[in-house]
Amino acid sequence: MTKNVGGIDKILRIVVGLVLIGATVMGLLPVWGYIGIVPVATGLMGWCPFYPLLGMNTCPMKKPD
């Protein structure tokens, strides 16, 4: 798997995912809030399975030596 999730995208995914999970644990959201596991996982792995389908990549390009 080639990394396709870059810096700010990675941080936003983790924060949003943790907010969803936290709100669900506190009872502010129903069970569907545990979907926050998905953005947390993709943020930690640095790879999103939907980006190749959409032709997206937020990872910075590596410069050739």
N, C-alpha and C. Protein backbone atom coordinates (compact mmCIF):
# COMPACT_ATOMS: atom_id res chain seq x y z
N MET A 1 0.83 -1.18 0.00
CA MET A 1 0.00 0.00 0.00
C MET A 1 0.88 1.24 0.00
N THR A 2 0.73 2.05 -0.98
CA THR A 2 1.45 3.31 -1.06
C THR A 2 0.69 4.36 -0.26
N LYS A 3 1.41 5.09 0.57
CA LYS A 3 0.76 6.12 1.39
C LYS A 3 0.13 7.17 0.49
N ASN A 4 -1.12 7.54 0.80
CA ASN A 4 -1.80 8.55 0.00
C ASN A 4 -2.52 9.59 0.87
N VAL A 5 -2.25 9.57 2.17
CA VAL A 5 -2.84 10.54 3.10
C VAL A 5 -1.71 11.37 3.68
N GLY A 6 -1.74 12.69 3.43
CA GLY A 6 -0.68 13.58 3.86
C GLY A 6 -0.94 14.23 5.21
N GLY A 7 -0.06 15.12 5.61
CA GLY A 7 0.01 15.75 6.92
C GLY A 7 -1.29 16.28 7.51
N ILE A 8 -1.83 17.36 6.95
CA ILE A 8 -3.04 17.97 7.51
C ILE A 8 -4.22 17.01 7.40
N ASP A 9 -4.31 16.31 6.29
CA ASP A 9 -5.38 15.32 6.09
C ASP A 9 -5.33 14.26 7.18
N LYS A 10 -4.14 13.81 7.49
CA LYS A 10 -3.94 12.78 8.52
C LYS A 10 -4.40 13.30 9.89
N ILE A 11 -3.99 14.51 10.23
CA ILE A 11 -4.36 15.10 11.53
C ILE A 11 -5.87 15.29 11.63
N LEU A 12 -6.48 15.82 10.57
CA LEU A 12 -7.93 16.03 10.58
C LEU A 12 -8.69 14.72 10.73
N ARG A 13 -8.25 13.68 10.04
CA ARG A 13 -8.91 12.38 10.14
C ARG A 13 -8.87 11.85 11.58
N ILE A 14 -7.71 11.95 12.20
CA ILE A 14 -7.56 11.44 13.56
C ILE A 14 -8.41 12.25 14.54
N VAL A 15 -8.38 13.57 14.43
CA VAL A 15 -9.15 14.43 15.34
C VAL A 15 -10.65 14.19 15.17
N VAL A 16 -11.14 14.19 13.93
CA VAL A 16 -12.57 13.98 13.68
C VAL A 16 -13.00 12.61 14.18
N GLY A 17 -12.19 11.60 13.91
CA GLY A 17 -12.52 10.25 14.36
C GLY A 17 -12.60 10.16 15.87
N LEU A 18 -11.64 10.77 16.56
CA LEU A 18 -11.65 10.74 18.02
C LEU A 18 -12.83 11.52 18.59
N VAL A 19 -13.20 12.63 17.94
CA VAL A 19 -14.36 13.40 18.40
C VAL A 19 -15.64 12.56 18.25
N LEU A 20 -15.79 11.88 17.13
CA LEU A 20 -16.97 11.02 16.93
C LEU A 20 -17.03 9.91 17.98
N ILE A 21 -15.91 9.25 18.20
CA ILE A 21 -15.87 8.17 19.19
C ILE A 21 -16.15 8.72 20.59
N GLY A 22 -15.53 9.85 20.93
CA GLY A 22 -15.73 10.45 22.26
C GLY A 22 -17.18 10.87 22.47
N ALA A 23 -17.80 11.45 21.45
CA ALA A 23 -19.19 11.87 21.57
C ALA A 23 -20.11 10.66 21.74
N THR A 24 -19.76 9.55 21.10
CA THR A 24 -20.56 8.34 21.25
C THR A 24 -20.41 7.74 22.64
N VAL A 25 -19.18 7.73 23.15
CA VAL A 25 -18.93 7.20 24.50
C VAL A 25 -19.67 8.04 25.55
N MET A 26 -19.73 9.36 25.34
CA MET A 26 -20.41 10.25 26.29
C MET A 26 -21.92 10.24 26.12
N GLY A 27 -22.42 9.54 25.11
CA GLY A 27 -23.86 9.44 24.91
C GLY A 27 -24.46 10.56 24.07
N LEU A 28 -23.62 11.37 23.44
CA LEU A 28 -24.12 12.47 22.62
C LEU A 28 -24.53 12.01 21.22
N LEU A 29 -23.97 10.90 20.77
CA LEU A 29 -24.30 10.33 19.47
C LEU A 29 -24.74 8.88 19.67
N PRO A 30 -25.58 8.39 18.77
CA PRO A 30 -25.93 6.96 18.86
C PRO A 30 -24.75 6.09 18.41
N VAL A 31 -24.99 4.83 18.34
CA VAL A 31 -23.94 3.84 18.05
C VAL A 31 -23.21 4.12 16.74
N TRP A 32 -23.85 4.77 15.77
CA TRP A 32 -23.19 5.02 14.48
C TRP A 32 -21.95 5.89 14.64
N GLY A 33 -21.80 6.56 15.77
CA GLY A 33 -20.63 7.40 16.00
C GLY A 33 -19.32 6.62 16.05
N TYR A 34 -19.43 5.32 16.29
CA TYR A 34 -18.22 4.49 16.30
C TYR A 34 -17.62 4.35 14.90
N ILE A 35 -18.28 4.90 13.89
CA ILE A 35 -17.70 4.94 12.55
C ILE A 35 -16.42 5.78 12.57
N GLY A 36 -16.22 6.53 13.63
CA GLY A 36 -14.99 7.31 13.80
C GLY A 36 -13.74 6.46 13.82
N ILE A 37 -13.91 5.17 14.01
CA ILE A 37 -12.77 4.25 13.97
C ILE A 37 -12.13 4.26 12.59
N VAL A 38 -12.93 4.43 11.55
CA VAL A 38 -12.43 4.40 10.18
C VAL A 38 -11.47 5.57 9.90
N PRO A 39 -11.86 6.82 10.16
CA PRO A 39 -10.88 7.90 9.91
C PRO A 39 -9.66 7.82 10.82
N VAL A 40 -9.82 7.34 12.04
CA VAL A 40 -8.65 7.19 12.91
C VAL A 40 -7.69 6.16 12.32
N ALA A 41 -8.22 5.03 11.87
CA ALA A 41 -7.38 3.97 11.30
C ALA A 41 -6.68 4.44 10.02
N THR A 42 -7.43 5.10 9.13
CA THR A 42 -6.81 5.55 7.88
C THR A 42 -5.80 6.66 8.14
N GLY A 43 -6.04 7.48 9.14
CA GLY A 43 -5.07 8.52 9.50
C GLY A 43 -3.80 7.93 10.07
N LEU A 44 -3.92 6.92 10.91
CA LEU A 44 -2.74 6.29 11.49
C LEU A 44 -1.96 5.47 10.47
N MET A 45 -2.66 4.82 9.54
CA MET A 45 -1.99 4.02 8.51
C MET A 45 -1.41 4.90 7.41
N GLY A 46 -2.01 6.06 7.17
CA GLY A 46 -1.56 6.93 6.10
C GLY A 46 -2.05 6.49 4.74
N TRP A 47 -3.05 5.65 4.72
CA TRP A 47 -3.58 5.12 3.46
C TRP A 47 -5.10 5.06 3.52
N CYS A 48 -5.75 5.60 2.50
CA CYS A 48 -7.20 5.57 2.40
C CYS A 48 -7.58 4.75 1.18
N PRO A 49 -8.43 3.73 1.34
CA PRO A 49 -8.78 2.88 0.21
C PRO A 49 -9.63 3.58 -0.85
N PHE A 50 -10.26 4.70 -0.50
CA PHE A 50 -11.11 5.39 -1.47
C PHE A 50 -10.34 6.39 -2.33
N TYR A 51 -9.19 6.85 -1.87
CA TYR A 51 -8.42 7.82 -2.63
C TYR A 51 -8.02 7.32 -4.02
N PRO A 52 -7.52 6.08 -4.16
CA PRO A 52 -7.19 5.61 -5.51
C PRO A 52 -8.42 5.56 -6.43
N LEU A 53 -9.56 5.22 -5.88
CA LEU A 53 -10.78 5.18 -6.68
C LEU A 53 -11.17 6.57 -7.17
N LEU A 54 -10.88 7.58 -6.36
CA LEU A 54 -11.22 8.95 -6.70
C LEU A 54 -10.06 9.68 -7.40
N GLY A 55 -8.92 9.02 -7.52
CA GLY A 55 -7.75 9.64 -8.15
C GLY A 55 -7.12 10.71 -7.29
N MET A 56 -7.22 10.57 -5.98
CA MET A 56 -6.70 11.59 -5.06
C MET A 56 -5.44 11.09 -4.36
N ASN A 57 -4.63 12.05 -3.90
CA ASN A 57 -3.45 11.76 -3.12
C ASN A 57 -3.05 13.05 -2.41
N THR A 58 -3.09 13.07 -1.09
CA THR A 58 -2.73 14.27 -0.35
C THR A 58 -1.32 14.19 0.23
N CYS A 59 -0.62 13.11 -0.06
CA CYS A 59 0.75 12.95 0.39
C CYS A 59 1.67 13.81 -0.48
N PRO A 60 2.63 14.50 0.13
CA PRO A 60 3.54 15.31 -0.69
C PRO A 60 4.39 14.40 -1.59
N MET A 61 4.68 14.92 -2.77
CA MET A 61 5.49 14.15 -3.72
C MET A 61 6.93 14.10 -3.25
N LYS A 62 7.56 12.94 -3.45
CA LYS A 62 8.98 12.81 -3.12
C LYS A 62 9.79 13.38 -4.27
N LYS A 63 10.84 14.12 -3.92
CA LYS A 63 11.70 14.71 -4.94
C LYS A 63 12.77 13.70 -5.34
N PRO A 64 13.02 13.56 -6.63
CA PRO A 64 14.07 12.63 -7.07
C PRO A 64 15.45 13.12 -6.64
N ASP A 65 16.35 12.19 -6.38
CA ASP A 65 17.73 12.56 -5.97
C ASP A 65 18.56 12.97 -7.16
